[in-house]
Amino acid sequence: MNFNYITNAIYSDKNQELLDLHAAQYELNSNAWAGFKQWADNNRKVKKGAKAARIQMICAKKYTKDGEEKTFTVCKTVAVFN
């Protein structure tokens, strides 16, 4: 089961598929993934030339319109490394 090494969060089913495909393509054998900045903030390094896997992340965005704060949901692509 693929998980975020820093937060210990388990990735969604779709992201599990994407990460498994990436791991098979590049012959990776660890299930631990994290973003570049997450690795760097925890004194870890990403090897030069490492290929990022792209996963989908749902997040809420806030904005103010006519003095009223509103929220909407967006899907964005995030790069993670093994």
PDB file of N, CA and C in Angstrom:
ATOM      1  N   MET A   1       0.839  -1.175   0.000  1.00  0.00           N
ATOM      2  CA  MET A   1       0.000   0.000   0.000  1.00  0.00           C
ATOM      3  C   MET A   1       0.891   1.247   0.000  1.00  0.00           C
ATOM      4  N   ASN A   2       0.680   2.113  -0.961  1.00  0.00           N
ATOM      5  CA  ASN A   2       1.465   3.342  -1.085  1.00  0.00           C
ATOM      6  C   ASN A   2       0.998   4.378  -0.067  1.00  0.00           C
ATOM      7  N   PHE A   3       1.955   5.074   0.527  1.00  0.00           N
ATOM      8  CA  PHE A   3       1.625   6.081   1.537  1.00  0.00           C
ATOM      9  C   PHE A   3       2.613   7.236   1.455  1.00  0.00           C
ATOM     10  N   ASN A   4       2.215   8.359   2.039  1.00  0.00           N
ATOM     11  CA  ASN A   4       3.090   9.514   2.117  1.00  0.00           C
ATOM     12  C   ASN A   4       4.025   9.301   3.305  1.00  0.00           C
ATOM     13  N   TYR A   5       5.318   9.298   3.040  1.00  0.00           N
ATOM     14  CA  TYR A   5       6.312   9.002   4.067  1.00  0.00           C
ATOM     15  C   TYR A   5       6.309  10.021   5.203  1.00  0.00           C
ATOM     16  N   ILE A   6       5.999  11.259   4.898  1.00  0.00           N
ATOM     17  CA  ILE A   6       6.059  12.326   5.892  1.00  0.00           C
ATOM     18  C   ILE A   6       4.784  12.378   6.740  1.00  0.00           C
ATOM     19  N   THR A   7       3.621  12.299   6.091  1.00  0.00           N
ATOM     20  CA  THR A   7       2.349  12.437   6.813  1.00  0.00           C
ATOM     21  C   THR A   7       1.725  11.098   7.191  1.00  0.00           C
ATOM     22  N   ASN A   8       2.259  10.020   6.649  1.00  0.00           N
ATOM     23  CA  ASN A   8       1.712   8.666   6.834  1.00  0.00           C
ATOM     24  C   ASN A   8       0.306   8.507   6.276  1.00  0.00           C
ATOM     25  N   ALA A   9      -0.118   9.419   5.413  1.00  0.00           N
ATOM     26  CA  ALA A   9      -1.437   9.320   4.782  1.00  0.00           C
ATOM     27  C   ALA A   9      -1.383   8.264   3.678  1.00  0.00           C
ATOM     28  N   ILE A  10      -2.436   7.468   3.580  1.00  0.00           N
ATOM     29  CA  ILE A  10      -2.535   6.463   2.530  1.00  0.00           C
ATOM     30  C   ILE A  10      -3.213   7.112   1.332  1.00  0.00           C
ATOM     31  N   TYR A  11      -2.664   6.889   0.141  1.00  0.00           N
ATOM     32  CA  TYR A  11      -3.203   7.495  -1.073  1.00  0.00           C
ATOM     33  C   TYR A  11      -4.497   6.815  -1.506  1.00  0.00           C
ATOM     34  N   SER A  12      -5.315   7.548  -2.250  1.00  0.00           N
ATOM     35  CA  SER A  12      -6.601   7.040  -2.743  1.00  0.00           C
ATOM     36  C   SER A  12      -6.377   5.875  -3.715  1.00  0.00           C
ATOM     37  N   ASP A  13      -7.446   5.155  -4.026  1.00  0.00           N
ATOM     38  CA  ASP A  13      -7.348   4.002  -4.927  1.00  0.00           C
ATOM     39  C   ASP A  13      -6.780   4.391  -6.288  1.00  0.00           C
ATOM     40  N   LYS A  14      -7.255   5.486  -6.848  1.00  0.00           N
ATOM     41  CA  LYS A  14      -6.767   5.927  -8.157  1.00  0.00           C
ATOM     42  C   LYS A  14      -5.289   6.288  -8.084  1.00  0.00           C
ATOM     43  N   ASN A  15      -4.893   6.999  -7.041  1.00  0.00           N
ATOM     44  CA  ASN A  15      -3.482   7.349  -6.887  1.00  0.00           C
ATOM     45  C   ASN A  15      -2.631   6.111  -6.626  1.00  0.00           C
ATOM     46  N   GLN A  16      -3.189   5.110  -5.938  1.00  0.00           N
ATOM     47  CA  GLN A  16      -2.479   3.837  -5.737  1.00  0.00           C
ATOM     48  C   GLN A  16      -2.127   3.233  -7.089  1.00  0.00           C
ATOM     49  N   GLU A  17      -3.103   3.244  -8.001  1.00  0.00           N
ATOM     50  CA  GLU A  17      -2.882   2.713  -9.351  1.00  0.00           C
ATOM     51  C   GLU A  17      -1.774   3.474 -10.069  1.00  0.00           C
ATOM     52  N   LEU A  18      -1.856   4.806 -10.027  1.00  0.00           N
ATOM     53  CA  LEU A  18      -0.860   5.636 -10.699  1.00  0.00           C
ATOM     54  C   LEU A  18       0.545   5.396 -10.137  1.00  0.00           C
ATOM     55  N   LEU A  19       0.646   5.293  -8.816  1.00  0.00           N
ATOM     56  CA  LEU A  19       1.944   5.077  -8.186  1.00  0.00           C
ATOM     57  C   LEU A  19       2.479   3.678  -8.485  1.00  0.00           C
ATOM     58  N   ASP A  20       1.606   2.673  -8.517  1.00  0.00           N
ATOM     59  CA  ASP A  20       2.031   1.309  -8.849  1.00  0.00           C
ATOM     60  C   ASP A  20       2.560   1.230 -10.275  1.00  0.00           C
ATOM     61  N   LEU A  21       1.882   1.911 -11.204  1.00  0.00           N
ATOM     62  CA  LEU A  21       2.340   1.931 -12.594  1.00  0.00           C
ATOM     63  C   LEU A  21       3.711   2.600 -12.711  1.00  0.00           C
ATOM     64  N   HIS A  22       3.873   3.718 -12.024  1.00  0.00           N
ATOM     65  CA  HIS A  22       5.148   4.439 -12.043  1.00  0.00           C
ATOM     66  C   HIS A  22       6.255   3.583 -11.432  1.00  0.00           C
ATOM     67  N   ALA A  23       5.968   2.937 -10.320  1.00  0.00           N
ATOM     68  CA  ALA A  23       6.965   2.096  -9.646  1.00  0.00           C
ATOM     69  C   ALA A  23       7.389   0.933 -10.543  1.00  0.00           C
ATOM     70  N   ALA A  24       6.432   0.334 -11.234  1.00  0.00           N
ATOM     71  CA  ALA A  24       6.753  -0.780 -12.132  1.00  0.00           C
ATOM     72  C   ALA A  24       7.600  -0.295 -13.309  1.00  0.00           C
ATOM     73  N   GLN A  25       7.255   0.858 -13.857  1.00  0.00           N
ATOM     74  CA  GLN A  25       7.975   1.402 -15.016  1.00  0.00           C
ATOM     75  C   GLN A  25       9.432   1.701 -14.688  1.00  0.00           C
ATOM     76  N   TYR A  26       9.685   2.223 -13.483  1.00  0.00           N
ATOM     77  CA  TYR A  26      11.039   2.620 -13.107  1.00  0.00           C
ATOM     78  C   TYR A  26      11.692   1.658 -12.118  1.00  0.00           C
ATOM     79  N   GLU A  27      11.090   0.479 -11.945  1.00  0.00           N
ATOM     80  CA  GLU A  27      11.627  -0.577 -11.081  1.00  0.00           C
ATOM     81  C   GLU A  27      11.913  -0.076  -9.657  1.00  0.00           C
ATOM     82  N   LEU A  28      10.933   0.600  -9.082  1.00  0.00           N
ATOM     83  CA  LEU A  28      11.041   1.095  -7.702  1.00  0.00           C
ATOM     84  C   LEU A  28      10.392   0.073  -6.774  1.00  0.00           C
ATOM     85  N   ASN A  29      10.953  -0.125  -5.591  1.00  0.00           N
ATOM     86  CA  ASN A  29      10.385  -1.132  -4.699  1.00  0.00           C
ATOM     87  C   ASN A  29       9.948  -0.604  -3.340  1.00  0.00           C
ATOM     88  N   SER A  30       9.946   0.684  -3.138  1.00  0.00           N
ATOM     89  CA  SER A  30       9.461   1.243  -1.878  1.00  0.00           C
ATOM     90  C   SER A  30       8.038   1.780  -2.066  1.00  0.00           C
ATOM     91  N   ASN A  31       7.229   1.692  -1.037  1.00  0.00           N
ATOM     92  CA  ASN A  31       5.868   2.220  -1.074  1.00  0.00           C
ATOM     93  C   ASN A  31       5.778   3.618  -0.466  1.00  0.00           C
ATOM     94  N   ALA A  32       6.922   4.173  -0.072  1.00  0.00           N
ATOM     95  CA  ALA A  32       6.960   5.484   0.564  1.00  0.00           C
ATOM     96  C   ALA A  32       7.147   6.564  -0.494  1.00  0.00           C
ATOM     97  N   TRP A  33       6.275   7.558  -0.489  1.00  0.00           N
ATOM     98  CA  TRP A  33       6.296   8.655  -1.458  1.00  0.00           C
ATOM     99  C   TRP A  33       6.176   9.973  -0.723  1.00  0.00           C
ATOM    100  N   ALA A  34       6.685  11.047  -1.330  1.00  0.00           N
ATOM    101  CA  ALA A  34       6.519  12.397  -0.775  1.00  0.00           C
ATOM    102  C   ALA A  34       6.907  13.407  -1.847  1.00  0.00           C
ATOM    103  N   GLY A  35       6.443  14.625  -1.665  1.00  0.00           N
ATOM    104  CA  GLY A  35       6.801  15.706  -2.578  1.00  0.00           C
ATOM    105  C   GLY A  35       8.242  16.137  -2.370  1.00  0.00           C
ATOM    106  N   PHE A  36       8.801  16.817  -3.368  1.00  0.00           N
ATOM    107  CA  PHE A  36      10.191  17.252  -3.297  1.00  0.00           C
ATOM    108  C   PHE A  36      10.453  18.081  -2.052  1.00  0.00           C
ATOM    109  N   LYS A  37       9.584  19.054  -1.784  1.00  0.00           N
ATOM    110  CA  LYS A  37       9.761  19.932  -0.623  1.00  0.00           C
ATOM    111  C   LYS A  37       9.598  19.152   0.683  1.00  0.00           C
ATOM    112  N   GLN A  38       8.690  18.182   0.710  1.00  0.00           N
ATOM    113  CA  GLN A  38       8.528  17.370   1.915  1.00  0.00           C
ATOM    114  C   GLN A  38       9.821  16.612   2.220  1.00  0.00           C
ATOM    115  N   TRP A  39      10.434  16.024   1.199  1.00  0.00           N
ATOM    116  CA  TRP A  39      11.703  15.319   1.420  1.00  0.00           C
ATOM    117  C   TRP A  39      12.754  16.303   1.917  1.00  0.00           C
ATOM    118  N   ALA A  40      12.875  17.450   1.257  1.00  0.00           N
ATOM    119  CA  ALA A  40      13.897  18.439   1.618  1.00  0.00           C
ATOM    120  C   ALA A  40      13.702  18.958   3.041  1.00  0.00           C
ATOM    121  N   ASP A  41      12.458  19.224   3.418  1.00  0.00           N
ATOM    122  CA  ASP A  41      12.171  19.734   4.766  1.00  0.00           C
ATOM    123  C   ASP A  41      12.505  18.716   5.857  1.00  0.00           C
ATOM    124  N   ASN A  42      12.628  17.455   5.483  1.00  0.00           N
ATOM    125  CA  ASN A  42      12.952  16.395   6.440  1.00  0.00           C
ATOM    126  C   ASN A  42      14.360  15.857   6.225  1.00  0.00           C
ATOM    127  N   ASN A  43      15.227  16.723   5.695  1.00  0.00           N
ATOM    128  CA  ASN A  43      16.649  16.417   5.492  1.00  0.00           C
ATOM    129  C   ASN A  43      16.883  15.177   4.645  1.00  0.00           C
ATOM    130  N   ARG A  44      16.055  14.980   3.654  1.00  0.00           N
ATOM    131  CA  ARG A  44      16.218  13.889   2.697  1.00  0.00           C
ATOM    132  C   ARG A  44      16.498  14.505   1.341  1.00  0.00           C
ATOM    133  N   LYS A  45      17.108  13.732   0.461  1.00  0.00           N
ATOM    134  CA  LYS A  45      17.420  14.228  -0.872  1.00  0.00           C
ATOM    135  C   LYS A  45      16.738  13.365  -1.920  1.00  0.00           C
ATOM    136  N   VAL A  46      16.339  14.005  -3.000  1.00  0.00           N
ATOM    137  CA  VAL A  46      15.829  13.301  -4.170  1.00  0.00           C
ATOM    138  C   VAL A  46      17.003  13.199  -5.133  1.00  0.00           C
ATOM    139  N   LYS A  47      17.261  11.981  -5.616  1.00  0.00           N
ATOM    140  CA  LYS A  47      18.385  11.788  -6.527  1.00  0.00           C
ATOM    141  C   LYS A  47      18.218  12.620  -7.790  1.00  0.00           C
ATOM    142  N   LYS A  48      19.324  13.164  -8.255  1.00  0.00           N
ATOM    143  CA  LYS A  48      19.300  13.925  -9.495  1.00  0.00           C
ATOM    144  C   LYS A  48      18.834  13.008 -10.621  1.00  0.00           C
ATOM    145  N   GLY A  49      17.894  13.490 -11.400  1.00  0.00           N
ATOM    146  CA  GLY A  49      17.363  12.703 -12.510  1.00  0.00           C
ATOM    147  C   GLY A  49      16.190  11.815 -12.137  1.00  0.00           C
ATOM    148  N   ALA A  50      15.812  11.807 -10.852  1.00  0.00           N
ATOM    149  CA  ALA A  50      14.660  10.993 -10.436  1.00  0.00           C
ATOM    150  C   ALA A  50      13.402  11.496 -11.133  1.00  0.00           C
ATOM    151  N   LYS A  51      12.568  10.579 -11.548  1.00  0.00           N
ATOM    152  CA  LYS A  51      11.333  10.925 -12.242  1.00  0.00           C
ATOM    153  C   LYS A  51      10.174  10.958 -11.247  1.00  0.00           C
ATOM    154  N   ALA A  52       9.443  12.048 -11.260  1.00  0.00           N
ATOM    155  CA  ALA A  52       8.296  12.202 -10.355  1.00  0.00           C
ATOM    156  C   ALA A  52       7.094  11.447 -10.893  1.00  0.00           C
ATOM    157  N   ALA A  53       6.315  10.909  -9.978  1.00  0.00           N
ATOM    158  CA  ALA A  53       5.017  10.339 -10.337  1.00  0.00           C
ATOM    159  C   ALA A  53       3.991  11.450 -10.161  1.00  0.00           C
ATOM    160  N   ARG A  54       3.020  11.510 -11.031  1.00  0.00           N
ATOM    161  CA  ARG A  54       1.976  12.531 -10.950  1.00  0.00           C
ATOM    162  C   ARG A  54       0.718  11.907 -10.373  1.00  0.00           C
ATOM    163  N   ILE A  55       0.200  12.513  -9.307  1.00  0.00           N
ATOM    164  CA  ILE A  55      -1.043  12.047  -8.692  1.00  0.00           C
ATOM    165  C   ILE A  55      -2.040  13.195  -8.645  1.00  0.00           C
ATOM    166  N   GLN A  56      -3.275  12.875  -8.355  1.00  0.00           N
ATOM    167  CA  GLN A  56      -4.338  13.879  -8.280  1.00  0.00           C
ATOM    168  C   GLN A  56      -4.623  14.216  -6.820  1.00  0.00           C
ATOM    169  N   MET A  57      -4.828  15.490  -6.552  1.00  0.00           N
ATOM    170  CA  MET A  57      -5.140  15.932  -5.192  1.00  0.00           C
ATOM    171  C   MET A  57      -6.337  16.880  -5.241  1.00  0.00           C
ATOM    172  N   ILE A  58      -7.312  16.602  -4.401  1.00  0.00           N
ATOM    173  CA  ILE A  58      -8.492  17.454  -4.278  1.00  0.00           C
ATOM    174  C   ILE A  58      -8.228  18.436  -3.138  1.00  0.00           C
ATOM    175  N   CYS A  59      -8.432  19.723  -3.402  1.00  0.00           N
ATOM    176  CA  CYS A  59      -8.234  20.701  -2.343  1.00  0.00           C
ATOM    177  C   CYS A  59      -9.256  21.825  -2.460  1.00  0.00           C
ATOM    178  N   ALA A  60      -9.461  22.492  -1.353  1.00  0.00           N
ATOM    179  CA  ALA A  60     -10.419  23.600  -1.295  1.00  0.00           C
ATOM    180  C   ALA A  60      -9.679  24.915  -1.513  1.00  0.00           C
ATOM    181  N   LYS A  61     -10.248  25.760  -2.319  1.00  0.00           N
ATOM    182  CA  LYS A  61      -9.693  27.090  -2.567  1.00  0.00           C
ATOM    183  C   LYS A  61     -10.683  28.128  -2.047  1.00  0.00           C
ATOM    184  N   LYS A  62     -10.149  29.130  -1.375  1.00  0.00           N
ATOM    185  CA  LYS A  62     -10.996  30.196  -0.841  1.00  0.00           C
ATOM    186  C   LYS A  62     -10.777  31.468  -1.647  1.00  0.00           C
ATOM    187  N   TYR A  63     -11.826  32.213  -1.813  1.00  0.00           N
ATOM    188  CA  TYR A  63     -11.726  33.521  -2.452  1.00  0.00           C
ATOM    189  C   TYR A  63     -12.798  34.431  -1.885  1.00  0.00           C
ATOM    190  N   THR A  64     -12.581  35.724  -2.049  1.00  0.00           N
ATOM    191  CA  THR A  64     -13.538  36.702  -1.543  1.00  0.00           C
ATOM    192  C   THR A  64     -14.186  37.402  -2.723  1.00  0.00           C
ATOM    193  N   LYS A  65     -15.509  37.433  -2.692  1.00  0.00           N
ATOM    194  CA  LYS A  65     -16.266  38.100  -3.747  1.00  0.00           C
ATOM    195  C   LYS A  65     -17.339  38.943  -3.087  1.00  0.00           C
ATOM    196  N   ASP A  66     -17.358  40.223  -3.403  1.00  0.00           N
ATOM    197  CA  ASP A  66     -18.323  41.161  -2.820  1.00  0.00           C
ATOM    198  C   ASP A  66     -18.285  41.133  -1.301  1.00  0.00           C
ATOM    199  N   GLY A  67     -17.078  41.006  -0.739  1.00  0.00           N
ATOM    200  CA  GLY A  67     -16.914  41.014   0.714  1.00  0.00           C
ATOM    201  C   GLY A  67     -17.294  39.711   1.390  1.00  0.00           C
ATOM    202  N   GLU A  68     -17.679  38.711   0.612  1.00  0.00           N
ATOM    203  CA  GLU A  68     -18.090  37.421   1.179  1.00  0.00           C
ATOM    204  C   GLU A  68     -17.057  36.358   0.797  1.00  0.00           C
ATOM    205  N   GLU A  69     -16.602  35.604   1.793  1.00  0.00           N
ATOM    206  CA  GLU A  69     -15.621  34.556   1.536  1.00  0.00           C
ATOM    207  C   GLU A  69     -16.329  33.300   1.034  1.00  0.00           C
ATOM    208  N   LYS A  70     -15.848  32.790  -0.084  1.00  0.00           N
ATOM    209  CA  LYS A  70     -16.445  31.588  -0.668  1.00  0.00           C
ATOM    210  C   LYS A  70     -15.370  30.530  -0.847  1.00  0.00           C
ATOM    211  N   THR A  71     -15.804  29.282  -0.918  1.00  0.00           N
ATOM    212  CA  THR A  71     -14.902  28.159  -1.088  1.00  0.00           C
ATOM    213  C   THR A  71     -15.381  27.291  -2.237  1.00  0.00           C
ATOM    214  N   PHE A  72     -14.427  26.808  -3.032  1.00  0.00           N
ATOM    215  CA  PHE A  72     -14.774  25.839  -4.069  1.00  0.00           C
ATOM    216  C   PHE A  72     -13.690  24.760  -4.104  1.00  0.00           C
ATOM    217  N   THR A  73     -14.025  23.627  -4.686  1.00  0.00           N
ATOM    218  CA  THR A  73     -13.128  22.484  -4.716  1.00  0.00           C
ATOM    219  C   THR A  73     -12.464  22.382  -6.086  1.00  0.00           C
ATOM    220  N   VAL A  74     -11.161  22.116  -6.080  1.00  0.00           N
ATOM    221  CA  VAL A  74     -10.419  21.937  -7.329  1.00  0.00           C
ATOM    222  C   VAL A  74      -9.606  20.642  -7.261  1.00  0.00           C
ATOM    223  N   CYS A  75      -9.286  20.130  -8.424  1.00  0.00           N
ATOM    224  CA  CYS A  75      -8.427  18.954  -8.538  1.00  0.00           C
ATOM    225  C   CYS A  75      -7.131  19.407  -9.181  1.00  0.00           C
ATOM    226  N   LYS A  76      -6.019  19.135  -8.530  1.00  0.00           N
ATOM    227  CA  LYS A  76      -4.755  19.536  -9.117  1.00  0.00           C
ATOM    228  C   LYS A  76      -3.790  18.353  -9.159  1.00  0.00           C
ATOM    229  N   THR A  77      -2.820  18.449 -10.031  1.00  0.00           N
ATOM    230  CA  THR A  77      -1.799  17.399 -10.185  1.00  0.00           C
ATOM    231  C   THR A  77      -0.609  17.745  -9.310  1.00  0.00           C
ATOM    232  N   VAL A  78      -0.123  16.741  -8.593  1.00  0.00           N
ATOM    233  CA  VAL A  78       1.003  16.927  -7.674  1.00  0.00           C
ATOM    234  C   VAL A  78       2.099  15.925  -8.032  1.00  0.00           C
ATOM    235  N   ALA A  79       3.333  16.355  -7.979  1.00  0.00           N
ATOM    236  CA  ALA A  79       4.483  15.469  -8.245  1.00  0.00           C
ATOM    237  C   ALA A  79       4.998  14.896  -6.936  1.00  0.00           C
ATOM    238  N   VAL A  80       5.160  13.582  -6.897  1.00  0.00           N
ATOM    239  CA  VAL A  80       5.722  12.915  -5.713  1.00  0.00           C
ATOM    240  C   VAL A  80       6.877  12.007  -6.145  1.00  0.00           C
ATOM    241  N   PHE A  81       7.804  11.826  -5.236  1.00  0.00           N
ATOM    242  CA  PHE A  81       9.000  11.013  -5.508  1.00  0.00           C
ATOM    243  C   PHE A  81       9.052   9.850  -4.537  1.00  0.00           C
ATOM    244  N   ASN A  82       9.696   8.786  -4.982  1.00  0.00           N
ATOM    245  CA  ASN A  82       9.847   7.569  -4.192  1.00  0.00           C
ATOM    246  C   ASN A  82      11.210   7.566  -3.554  1.00  0.00           C
TER     247      ASN A  82
END
